[in-house]
Amino acid sequence: MIKRIAQTAGFTGLLAALLLTLLQSFWVAPLILKAETFEKAPAMQMHEHSEATPAAHEHDEEAWEPEDGWQRVVSTTGGNLVVAVGFALMLAALYTLRAPGNTREGLLWGLAGFAVFCLAPTLGLPPELPGTAAADLAQRQIWWIGTAASTAVALALMVFSRNWLLKGLGVLILLTPHVIGAPQPEMHHSLAPEALAAEFKVASTLTNAAFWLALGLISAWLFRRKQQA
């Protein structure tokens, strides 16, 4: 069983991570690069019209970030691979409790994962480009985790429970974090144009949807194949 879970998660994570990286490279990353030009423009103007202190200059020299090109692609691929394998492990473990009856059921598991980890949290904290004002990081992380956990519990109650009271409880749990509301900055502003920010939200959402659908479909197919072997 452990071997089946590990093999399913490994191959699924690799394929899904490659797909995610491909989609991000052609759609999401270019939007981030455009936004970074707006974010860096004020700093460049300040640098041209004022002298930086020695400490600040040393800090800028020591700071590292992947350069555009292969460094950024490799860094993105590595991060996506870790995340994809982790999510694939979670799906494979859930399959041991409720094995998919057919490969198509993997799409439903993928949609559930997308709803839990992407759709529900982004209703309160949408994807943001560099240079966008945001609330305190710790508060956002707490709300994000609470929302993902609530959505997972709510979906489990609504889908698997046969008791209508529990289904109703699931609906209440699903709505609770959104009634509370996500932490927001005191003032909403972004250095990037609104059109670019809107396109980034669409690109991020659809890219993650494709990732989760692939993750569910591939993991279900591999798990069933290993089960029948």
Foldseek 3Di string as FASTA:
>chain_A
DVVLLQVLLLVLLLVLLVLLLVLCVVAQVVLLVVQVCLVCVVVVVCVVVDPDDPVVVVVVVPDDDQDPDPRVSVVSSVVSSVVSSVVSSVVSVVCVVPADPDLQVLLVVLVLLCVLQPVQLCVQVFDFHPQWDFDDPVQSVVLNVQQSVLSNCLVCQLPVPPDVVSNVVSVVSNCVSVVVGGDGDPDTDGSDDPVSGVSNRVSVSVSSSVSSSSSSNSSSVSSVVVVVD
